[in-house]
Every structure is written in C-alpha cells, then in structure tokens.
Amino acid sequence: MRNLTVSFCVGLLAAGLVFPATGSALSSALAFTPWSSIYEVARDERSVSQIAADKKITTSIKAALVERDGKLGLAVKVYCFVGRVTLLGQLADESFKAFAVATAKKTSGARGVSTHWEAPGKESTTAVDLEIAAKIRAALVADKDISATQIETEVFGGKVYLLGMVRGKKDAARAVAHAKGVAGVTGVTSLLTAPGRR
C-alpha cells in the first residue's frame, strides 16, 4: 500500500499538481493538467524530470492567461513537450492571442512556441466535440499497440488536433487513422512528436 501511495504522489508531483516544498495541492485555477499525466508515466517518451519541467511551463503559462482574462484564458489550450509549447483554441481576440504567445515565449524553460487558432464556433458544437473526443480516446485505448496515455486530443467544430510524444511515425499514423475513423470528424492535424524529432 505504501508503494502505491508513493507512486501516486510521484505522479502528482510530475504532473505539477503538488508543490514539492509544501505538498499542498494547487488551486483549481492552476490545475490544468491532462489526466493522462497522472498515470503510466513510465510509458511516456520523456523522463520524469522532463515531464515535471513541461508541466511547470504549462501551468505557469495557463495561470498567467487566466489571471489576465478568465474566460479567454480558459479558451486557450496549453501543451508543452520537451520545452516546446503549443497554444491552440477557438479564439477571435487578436490581442489576447498575441498576449498568449508573448507569455509563452518569455516563460522560463520554453524553447519555442507554435499556435493553432480556430475561429469561434457555435456554442452547440461543444457537446458534439466532447463526444468526438471521447470516441477517439476510446479507440486509442482499445489499440494495445500504441500508448493512448501519451496522446492528448482537442476538438474544435469537428476538427481534431492530436498532441503528445509517441514512439515513432507508426504510432502517430495509427492515432491519426483512429481519429479519422470517428463520425463527425472534419479533419485531423497531428502534432504528435517522436523522440528523434525535437
């Protein structure tokens, strides 16, 4: 039982959900960590220290965005893999987009910033997008030849973005094929990265 508790705490630490000095949980405003980071850390292509560094960068950027504007800050999805930051979301506010990019660029540890902005869609598409994301997740989890815990999915008006670190091109291609096979998907953009392509 003790080993299980220690493993869980290490997972929370790597995910950036617990402060090392105090052990206290981050406030809900700062805990923007995808759940996949809490389990199967060993299957991630990054080291535990790199995962922790990436989570720190992600949390720092997200906190600054939410502090500037809560609603717009939540609309921006922030990901970081080996120091490379990706910002994406449905956003029309050009000044906030510029602020998001500037914030990411000046964040300690960030090695580069890429953006993928989509025009705001109808409010009614949110439920459909969530359903698409859930179906993609189910298809990825069912495929035992790839590690679904390494792949994050964002959907905007049927357009799918796949993000994360995978073992190689084969895994990336399989993930894209699964996403394309889900009804309602209008396009798939793979931002999946293999260890040798940093």
Protein backbone atom coordinates (compact mmCIF):
# COMPACT_ATOMS: atom_id res chain seq x y z
CA MET A 1 0.00 0.00 0.00
CA ARG A 2 2.88 2.34 0.85
CA ASN A 3 4.45 1.80 -2.60
CA LEU A 4 1.12 2.60 -4.27
CA THR A 5 0.85 5.83 -2.27
CA VAL A 6 4.42 6.81 -3.12
CA SER A 7 3.83 6.06 -6.82
CA PHE A 8 0.67 8.16 -6.82
CA CYS A 9 2.45 11.07 -5.10
CA VAL A 10 5.30 10.88 -7.63
CA GLY A 11 2.70 11.00 -10.40
CA LEU A 12 1.08 14.09 -8.87
CA LEU A 13 4.48 15.74 -8.48
CA ALA A 14 5.40 15.01 -12.10
CA ALA A 15 2.04 16.35 -13.20
CA GLY A 16 2.64 19.59 -11.32
CA LEU A 17 -0.39 19.08 -9.09
CA VAL A 18 1.57 19.22 -5.81
CA PHE A 19 4.14 21.74 -4.64
CA PRO A 20 7.35 19.89 -3.68
CA ALA A 21 8.08 22.20 -0.72
CA THR A 22 4.69 22.04 0.95
CA GLY A 23 2.97 19.01 -0.55
CA SER A 24 -0.16 21.10 -0.90
CA ALA A 25 -2.47 20.74 -3.89
CA LEU A 26 -2.58 23.51 -6.46
CA SER A 27 -5.76 25.55 -6.57
CA SER A 28 -8.30 24.52 -9.20
CA ALA A 29 -7.38 27.64 -11.18
CA LEU A 30 -3.86 26.27 -11.66
CA ALA A 31 -4.53 22.55 -12.03
CA PHE A 32 -4.91 22.42 -15.81
CA THR A 33 -3.14 19.10 -16.11
CA PRO A 34 -4.45 16.46 -18.54
CA TRP A 35 -5.30 13.29 -16.59
CA SER A 36 -3.03 11.12 -18.72
CA SER A 37 -0.05 12.67 -16.95
CA ILE A 38 -1.11 11.14 -13.62
CA TYR A 39 -0.85 7.52 -14.72
CA GLU A 40 1.53 5.42 -16.81
CA VAL A 41 4.32 7.99 -16.51
CA ALA A 42 6.78 5.21 -17.29
CA ARG A 43 5.28 4.81 -20.78
CA ASP A 44 5.88 8.45 -21.68
CA GLU A 45 8.80 9.02 -24.04
CA ARG A 46 10.06 11.79 -21.73
CA SER A 47 11.93 11.38 -18.47
CA VAL A 48 10.11 12.11 -15.22
CA SER A 49 12.17 15.29 -14.79
CA GLN A 50 11.26 16.44 -18.32
CA ILE A 51 7.57 15.73 -17.67
CA ALA A 52 7.78 17.82 -14.48
CA ALA A 53 9.55 20.66 -16.32
CA ASP A 54 6.94 20.63 -19.10
CA LYS A 55 4.09 20.67 -16.60
CA LYS A 56 5.68 23.61 -14.78
CA ILE A 57 5.86 25.55 -18.06
CA THR A 58 2.26 24.68 -18.95
CA THR A 59 0.93 25.64 -15.52
CA SER A 60 2.85 28.92 -15.49
CA ILE A 61 1.51 29.98 -18.89
CA LYS A 62 -2.06 28.92 -18.12
CA ALA A 63 -2.06 30.75 -14.79
CA ALA A 64 -0.88 33.98 -16.46
CA LEU A 65 -3.56 33.72 -19.15
CA VAL A 66 -6.37 33.11 -16.66
CA GLU A 67 -5.12 35.95 -14.46
CA ARG A 68 -5.29 38.32 -17.46
CA ASP A 69 -8.80 37.21 -18.54
CA GLY A 70 -10.56 34.22 -17.01
CA LYS A 71 -12.85 33.40 -19.92
CA LEU A 72 -10.29 33.89 -22.70
CA GLY A 73 -7.59 32.21 -20.63
CA LEU A 74 -9.71 29.08 -20.32
CA ALA A 75 -10.33 29.11 -24.09
CA VAL A 76 -6.59 28.71 -24.78
CA LYS A 77 -5.32 25.13 -24.54
CA VAL A 78 -1.67 24.97 -23.49
CA TYR A 79 0.60 21.97 -24.07
CA CYS A 80 4.33 21.55 -23.66
CA PHE A 81 6.55 18.68 -24.77
CA VAL A 82 10.32 18.83 -24.20
CA GLY A 83 10.10 22.59 -23.75
CA ARG A 84 8.18 23.22 -26.96
CA VAL A 85 4.89 25.00 -26.26
CA THR A 86 1.74 24.63 -28.34
CA LEU A 87 -1.16 27.07 -27.94
CA LEU A 88 -4.49 26.28 -29.55
CA GLY A 89 -8.16 27.06 -29.23
CA GLN A 90 -11.21 28.77 -30.67
CA LEU A 91 -10.42 32.43 -30.19
CA ALA A 92 -11.15 35.64 -32.11
CA ASP A 93 -9.45 38.16 -29.82
CA GLU A 94 -6.18 39.01 -31.63
CA SER A 95 -4.73 40.99 -28.73
CA PHE A 96 -5.23 38.08 -26.36
CA LYS A 97 -3.66 35.69 -28.87
CA ALA A 98 -0.63 37.99 -29.01
CA PHE A 99 -0.53 38.13 -25.20
CA ALA A 100 -0.67 34.33 -25.03
CA VAL A 101 2.24 33.96 -27.45
CA ALA A 102 4.33 36.63 -25.67
CA THR A 103 3.63 34.99 -22.30
CA ALA A 104 4.67 31.57 -23.59
CA LYS A 105 7.86 32.91 -25.19
CA LYS A 106 9.04 34.58 -22.00
CA THR A 107 8.25 31.60 -19.77
CA SER A 108 11.39 30.07 -18.29
CA GLY A 109 12.26 26.78 -19.96
CA ALA A 110 10.17 27.34 -23.10
CA ARG A 111 12.26 26.50 -26.20
CA GLY A 112 9.74 27.50 -28.84
CA VAL A 113 6.07 28.37 -29.36
CA SER A 114 3.64 27.27 -32.06
CA THR A 115 -0.01 28.29 -32.43
CA HIS A 116 -3.08 26.68 -33.94
CA TRP A 117 -6.06 29.02 -33.69
CA GLU A 118 -9.57 28.18 -34.88
CA ALA A 119 -12.42 30.63 -35.40
CA PRO A 120 -15.00 30.53 -32.62
CA GLY A 121 -17.78 28.08 -33.43
CA LYS A 122 -21.36 27.69 -32.36
CA GLU A 123 -21.91 27.02 -28.68
CA SER A 124 -23.93 23.92 -29.66
CA THR A 125 -20.84 22.24 -31.16
CA THR A 126 -19.22 21.86 -27.74
CA ALA A 127 -21.23 18.74 -26.80
CA VAL A 128 -20.55 17.17 -30.21
CA ASP A 129 -16.82 17.94 -29.91
CA LEU A 130 -16.70 16.33 -26.46
CA GLU A 131 -18.43 13.24 -27.84
CA ILE A 132 -15.94 13.05 -30.73
CA ALA A 133 -13.01 13.40 -28.31
CA ALA A 134 -14.43 10.63 -26.11
CA LYS A 135 -14.82 8.29 -29.09
CA ILE A 136 -11.27 8.97 -30.25
CA ARG A 137 -9.99 8.32 -26.72
CA ALA A 138 -11.90 5.01 -26.63
CA ALA A 139 -10.44 3.96 -29.99
CA LEU A 140 -6.91 4.84 -28.86
CA VAL A 141 -7.27 2.99 -25.56
CA ALA A 142 -8.61 -0.09 -27.37
CA ASP A 143 -5.50 -0.19 -29.58
CA LYS A 144 -2.96 -2.09 -27.47
CA ASP A 145 -0.18 -1.41 -29.99
CA ILE A 146 0.05 2.27 -29.02
CA SER A 147 0.15 4.07 -25.70
CA ALA A 148 -3.03 6.13 -25.56
CA THR A 149 -1.85 7.83 -22.37
CA GLN A 150 0.75 9.72 -24.40
CA ILE A 151 -1.82 11.26 -26.76
CA GLU A 152 -3.97 14.28 -25.96
CA THR A 153 -6.97 15.21 -28.10
CA GLU A 154 -8.57 18.61 -28.74
CA VAL A 155 -11.62 19.03 -30.98
CA PHE A 156 -12.96 22.33 -32.35
CA GLY A 157 -16.06 22.14 -34.52
CA GLY A 158 -15.15 18.64 -35.66
CA LYS A 159 -11.53 19.48 -36.41
CA VAL A 160 -9.22 17.25 -34.38
CA TYR A 161 -5.76 18.02 -33.03
CA LEU A 162 -3.64 15.17 -31.68
CA LEU A 163 -0.78 16.18 -29.38
CA GLY A 164 1.89 14.32 -27.46
CA MET A 165 5.00 12.21 -27.58
CA VAL A 166 4.85 8.82 -29.31
CA ARG A 167 7.43 6.13 -30.08
CA GLY A 168 7.56 6.84 -33.80
CA LYS A 169 5.78 7.54 -37.08
CA LYS A 170 3.90 4.25 -36.93
CA ASP A 171 2.16 5.16 -33.67
CA ALA A 172 1.37 8.65 -34.97
CA ALA A 173 -0.14 7.20 -38.16
CA ARG A 174 -2.28 4.74 -36.18
CA ALA A 175 -3.57 7.55 -33.94
CA VAL A 176 -4.48 9.69 -36.97
CA ALA A 177 -6.28 6.72 -38.56
CA HIS A 178 -8.33 6.18 -35.38
CA ALA A 179 -9.30 9.86 -35.28
CA LYS A 180 -10.30 9.90 -38.94
CA GLY A 181 -12.48 6.86 -38.34
CA VAL A 182 -14.76 8.67 -35.88
CA ALA A 183 -18.04 10.03 -37.23
CA GLY A 184 -18.27 13.82 -37.22
CA VAL A 185 -14.54 14.44 -37.66
CA THR A 186 -13.95 17.02 -40.41
CA GLY A 187 -10.15 16.99 -40.32
CA VAL A 188 -7.18 15.77 -38.30
CA THR A 189 -3.98 17.68 -37.54
CA SER A 190 -1.22 15.59 -35.99
CA LEU A 191 1.11 17.45 -33.65
CA LEU A 192 2.48 14.15 -32.37
CA THR A 193 6.23 14.08 -31.89
CA ALA A 194 8.66 11.16 -31.87
CA PRO A 195 11.80 11.25 -29.67
CA GLY A 196 14.16 11.94 -32.58
CA ARG A 197 12.11 14.89 -33.91
CA ARG A 198 12.56 17.56 -31.25
